[in-house]
Amino acid sequence: MMDPSLPPNPKKALLYRPSVTHLLSVMATMCDGLPPDSVMLIYIAASG
């Protein structure tokens, strides 16, 4: 069921064991494309 009042799905990036520089690069690229009134949600999961 779709709600037309909601914005379209956000952009997503899935990284598996990235280096710190790769993670920062992806985050910077994603931030550049965000409108000024947007937010970025970051989910980090780890075992143990």
PDB file of N, CA and C in Angstrom:
ATOM      1  N   MET A   1       0.854  -1.172   0.000  1.00  0.00           N
ATOM      2  CA  MET A   1       0.000   0.000   0.000  1.00  0.00           C
ATOM      3  C   MET A   1       0.901   1.238   0.000  1.00  0.00           C
ATOM      4  N   MET A   2       0.742   2.093  -0.959  1.00  0.00           N
ATOM      5  CA  MET A   2       1.579   3.279  -1.103  1.00  0.00           C
ATOM      6  C   MET A   2       0.837   4.519  -0.608  1.00  0.00           C
ATOM      7  N   ASP A   3       1.544   5.381   0.077  1.00  0.00           N
ATOM      8  CA  ASP A   3       0.999   6.652   0.538  1.00  0.00           C
ATOM      9  C   ASP A   3       1.580   7.754  -0.340  1.00  0.00           C
ATOM     10  N   PRO A   4       0.784   8.392  -1.184  1.00  0.00           N
ATOM     11  CA  PRO A   4       1.318   9.401  -2.107  1.00  0.00           C
ATOM     12  C   PRO A   4       1.867  10.644  -1.407  1.00  0.00           C
ATOM     13  N   SER A   5       1.536  10.844  -0.135  1.00  0.00           N
ATOM     14  CA  SER A   5       2.032  12.027   0.570  1.00  0.00           C
ATOM     15  C   SER A   5       3.468  11.844   1.063  1.00  0.00           C
ATOM     16  N   LEU A   6       3.969  10.591   1.056  1.00  0.00           N
ATOM     17  CA  LEU A   6       5.330  10.328   1.501  1.00  0.00           C
ATOM     18  C   LEU A   6       6.315  10.549   0.360  1.00  0.00           C
ATOM     19  N   PRO A   7       7.537  10.956   0.683  1.00  0.00           N
ATOM     20  CA  PRO A   7       8.546  11.106  -0.374  1.00  0.00           C
ATOM     21  C   PRO A   7       8.960   9.744  -0.922  1.00  0.00           C
ATOM     22  N   PRO A   8       9.611   9.716  -2.082  1.00  0.00           N
ATOM     23  CA  PRO A   8      10.047   8.426  -2.627  1.00  0.00           C
ATOM     24  C   PRO A   8      11.102   7.783  -1.728  1.00  0.00           C
ATOM     25  N   ASN A   9      11.361   6.505  -1.960  1.00  0.00           N
ATOM     26  CA  ASN A   9      12.341   5.776  -1.147  1.00  0.00           C
ATOM     27  C   ASN A   9      13.686   6.496  -1.159  1.00  0.00           C
ATOM     28  N   PRO A  10      14.364   6.486  -0.024  1.00  0.00           N
ATOM     29  CA  PRO A  10      15.668   7.152   0.046  1.00  0.00           C
ATOM     30  C   PRO A  10      16.755   6.351  -0.663  1.00  0.00           C
ATOM     31  N   LYS A  11      17.854   7.009  -0.941  1.00  0.00           N
ATOM     32  CA  LYS A  11      19.008   6.315  -1.503  1.00  0.00           C
ATOM     33  C   LYS A  11      19.635   5.480  -0.405  1.00  0.00           C
ATOM     34  N   LYS A  12      20.154   4.326  -0.778  1.00  0.00           N
ATOM     35  CA  LYS A  12      20.741   3.423   0.200  1.00  0.00           C
ATOM     36  C   LYS A  12      22.115   2.976  -0.281  1.00  0.00           C
ATOM     37  N   ALA A  13      22.992   2.744   0.657  1.00  0.00           N
ATOM     38  CA  ALA A  13      24.306   2.197   0.351  1.00  0.00           C
ATOM     39  C   ALA A  13      24.586   1.081   1.338  1.00  0.00           C
ATOM     40  N   LEU A  14      24.965  -0.062   0.835  1.00  0.00           N
ATOM     41  CA  LEU A  14      25.294  -1.203   1.671  1.00  0.00           C
ATOM     42  C   LEU A  14      26.785  -1.467   1.513  1.00  0.00           C
ATOM     43  N   LEU A  15      27.504  -1.364   2.611  1.00  0.00           N
ATOM     44  CA  LEU A  15      28.952  -1.559   2.593  1.00  0.00           C
ATOM     45  C   LEU A  15      29.295  -2.748   3.467  1.00  0.00           C
ATOM     46  N   TYR A  16      30.134  -3.627   2.965  1.00  0.00           N
ATOM     47  CA  TYR A  16      30.577  -4.784   3.740  1.00  0.00           C
ATOM     48  C   TYR A  16      32.052  -4.632   4.046  1.00  0.00           C
ATOM     49  N   ARG A  17      32.359  -4.444   5.306  1.00  0.00           N
ATOM     50  CA  ARG A  17      33.721  -4.297   5.806  1.00  0.00           C
ATOM     51  C   ARG A  17      34.503  -3.208   5.063  1.00  0.00           C
ATOM     52  N   PRO A  18      33.973  -1.996   5.021  1.00  0.00           N
ATOM     53  CA  PRO A  18      34.692  -0.929   4.310  1.00  0.00           C
ATOM     54  C   PRO A  18      35.865  -0.419   5.139  1.00  0.00           C
ATOM     55  N   SER A  19      36.832   0.151   4.450  1.00  0.00           N
ATOM     56  CA  SER A  19      37.898   0.837   5.174  1.00  0.00           C
ATOM     57  C   SER A  19      37.334   2.178   5.649  1.00  0.00           C
ATOM     58  N   VAL A  20      38.036   2.809   6.545  1.00  0.00           N
ATOM     59  CA  VAL A  20      37.566   4.096   7.067  1.00  0.00           C
ATOM     60  C   VAL A  20      37.481   5.126   5.948  1.00  0.00           C
ATOM     61  N   THR A  21      38.471   5.156   5.073  1.00  0.00           N
ATOM     62  CA  THR A  21      38.458   6.135   3.978  1.00  0.00           C
ATOM     63  C   THR A  21      37.310   5.867   3.011  1.00  0.00           C
ATOM     64  N   HIS A  22      37.007   4.597   2.754  1.00  0.00           N
ATOM     65  CA  HIS A  22      35.885   4.270   1.863  1.00  0.00           C
ATOM     66  C   HIS A  22      34.558   4.673   2.502  1.00  0.00           C
ATOM     67  N   LEU A  23      34.399   4.403   3.794  1.00  0.00           N
ATOM     68  CA  LEU A  23      33.184   4.781   4.509  1.00  0.00           C
ATOM     69  C   LEU A  23      32.982   6.296   4.468  1.00  0.00           C
ATOM     70  N   LEU A  24      34.033   7.045   4.764  1.00  0.00           N
ATOM     71  CA  LEU A  24      33.923   8.507   4.741  1.00  0.00           C
ATOM     72  C   LEU A  24      33.636   9.028   3.334  1.00  0.00           C
ATOM     73  N   SER A  25      34.226   8.403   2.341  1.00  0.00           N
ATOM     74  CA  SER A  25      33.981   8.807   0.958  1.00  0.00           C
ATOM     75  C   SER A  25      32.523   8.599   0.563  1.00  0.00           C
ATOM     76  N   VAL A  26      31.969   7.447   0.921  1.00  0.00           N
ATOM     77  CA  VAL A  26      30.558   7.161   0.605  1.00  0.00           C
ATOM     78  C   VAL A  26      29.644   8.121   1.357  1.00  0.00           C
ATOM     79  N   MET A  27      29.944   8.370   2.631  1.00  0.00           N
ATOM     80  CA  MET A  27      29.108   9.290   3.408  1.00  0.00           C
ATOM     81  C   MET A  27      29.168  10.711   2.843  1.00  0.00           C
ATOM     82  N   ALA A  28      30.342  11.147   2.422  1.00  0.00           N
ATOM     83  CA  ALA A  28      30.476  12.488   1.842  1.00  0.00           C
ATOM     84  C   ALA A  28      29.709  12.587   0.534  1.00  0.00           C
ATOM     85  N   THR A  29      29.763  11.554  -0.274  1.00  0.00           N
ATOM     86  CA  THR A  29      29.036  11.547  -1.547  1.00  0.00           C
ATOM     87  C   THR A  29      27.536  11.595  -1.314  1.00  0.00           C
ATOM     88  N   MET A  30      27.067  10.821  -0.329  1.00  0.00           N
ATOM     89  CA  MET A  30      25.637  10.820  -0.025  1.00  0.00           C
ATOM     90  C   MET A  30      25.195  12.183   0.524  1.00  0.00           C
ATOM     91  N   CYS A  31      26.030  12.814   1.338  1.00  0.00           N
ATOM     92  CA  CYS A  31      25.689  14.126   1.908  1.00  0.00           C
ATOM     93  C   CYS A  31      25.600  15.202   0.835  1.00  0.00           C
ATOM     94  N   ASP A  32      26.446  15.109  -0.180  1.00  0.00           N
ATOM     95  CA  ASP A  32      26.427  16.099  -1.260  1.00  0.00           C
ATOM     96  C   ASP A  32      25.099  16.103  -2.003  1.00  0.00           C
ATOM     97  N   GLY A  33      24.463  14.943  -2.103  1.00  0.00           N
ATOM     98  CA  GLY A  33      23.217  14.842  -2.846  1.00  0.00           C
ATOM     99  C   GLY A  33      21.964  15.147  -2.046  1.00  0.00           C
ATOM    100  N   LEU A  34      22.102  15.415  -0.753  1.00  0.00           N
ATOM    101  CA  LEU A  34      20.932  15.669   0.087  1.00  0.00           C
ATOM    102  C   LEU A  34      20.466  17.118  -0.030  1.00  0.00           C
ATOM    103  N   PRO A  35      19.166  17.333  -0.070  1.00  0.00           N
ATOM    104  CA  PRO A  35      18.649  18.697   0.032  1.00  0.00           C
ATOM    105  C   PRO A  35      18.955  19.267   1.418  1.00  0.00           C
ATOM    106  N   PRO A  36      18.973  20.593   1.566  1.00  0.00           N
ATOM    107  CA  PRO A  36      19.331  21.213   2.846  1.00  0.00           C
ATOM    108  C   PRO A  36      18.427  20.824   4.022  1.00  0.00           C
ATOM    109  N   ASP A  37      17.186  20.476   3.767  1.00  0.00           N
ATOM    110  CA  ASP A  37      16.261  20.162   4.861  1.00  0.00           C
ATOM    111  C   ASP A  37      16.126  18.651   5.098  1.00  0.00           C
ATOM    112  N   SER A  38      17.117  17.874   4.699  1.00  0.00           N
ATOM    113  CA  SER A  38      17.067  16.421   4.839  1.00  0.00           C
ATOM    114  C   SER A  38      17.980  15.946   5.958  1.00  0.00           C
ATOM    115  N   VAL A  39      17.822  14.677   6.299  1.00  0.00           N
ATOM    116  CA  VAL A  39      18.678  14.047   7.304  1.00  0.00           C
ATOM    117  C   VAL A  39      19.263  12.771   6.716  1.00  0.00           C
ATOM    118  N   MET A  40      20.362  12.322   7.306  1.00  0.00           N
ATOM    119  CA  MET A  40      20.964  11.060   6.916  1.00  0.00           C
ATOM    120  C   MET A  40      20.919  10.121   8.120  1.00  0.00           C
ATOM    121  N   LEU A  41      20.364   8.944   7.906  1.00  0.00           N
ATOM    122  CA  LEU A  41      20.314   7.936   8.960  1.00  0.00           C
ATOM    123  C   LEU A  41      21.422   6.918   8.677  1.00  0.00           C
ATOM    124  N   ILE A  42      22.198   6.601   9.705  1.00  0.00           N
ATOM    125  CA  ILE A  42      23.295   5.653   9.566  1.00  0.00           C
ATOM    126  C   ILE A  42      23.049   4.499  10.532  1.00  0.00           C
ATOM    127  N   TYR A  43      23.053   3.296  10.001  1.00  0.00           N
ATOM    128  CA  TYR A  43      22.867   2.090  10.811  1.00  0.00           C
ATOM    129  C   TYR A  43      24.156   1.278  10.716  1.00  0.00           C
ATOM    130  N   ILE A  44      24.780   1.031  11.835  1.00  0.00           N
ATOM    131  CA  ILE A  44      26.003   0.247  11.875  1.00  0.00           C
ATOM    132  C   ILE A  44      25.743  -0.980  12.732  1.00  0.00           C
ATOM    133  N   ALA A  45      26.000  -2.151  12.170  1.00  0.00           N
ATOM    134  CA  ALA A  45      25.796  -3.404  12.885  1.00  0.00           C
ATOM    135  C   ALA A  45      27.112  -4.161  12.944  1.00  0.00           C
ATOM    136  N   ALA A  46      27.315  -4.857  14.049  1.00  0.00           N
ATOM    137  CA  ALA A  46      28.522  -5.664  14.210  1.00  0.00           C
ATOM    138  C   ALA A  46      28.198  -6.885  15.052  1.00  0.00           C
ATOM    139  N   SER A  47      28.934  -7.938  14.825  1.00  0.00           N
ATOM    140  CA  SER A  47      28.748  -9.132  15.647  1.00  0.00           C
ATOM    141  C   SER A  47      29.642  -9.034  16.869  1.00  0.00           C
ATOM    142  N   GLY A  48      29.196  -9.675  17.913  1.00  0.00           N
ATOM    143  CA  GLY A  48      30.002  -9.743  19.119  1.00  0.00           C
ATOM    144  C   GLY A  48      29.914  -8.538  19.895  1.00  0.00           C
TER     145      GLY A  48
END
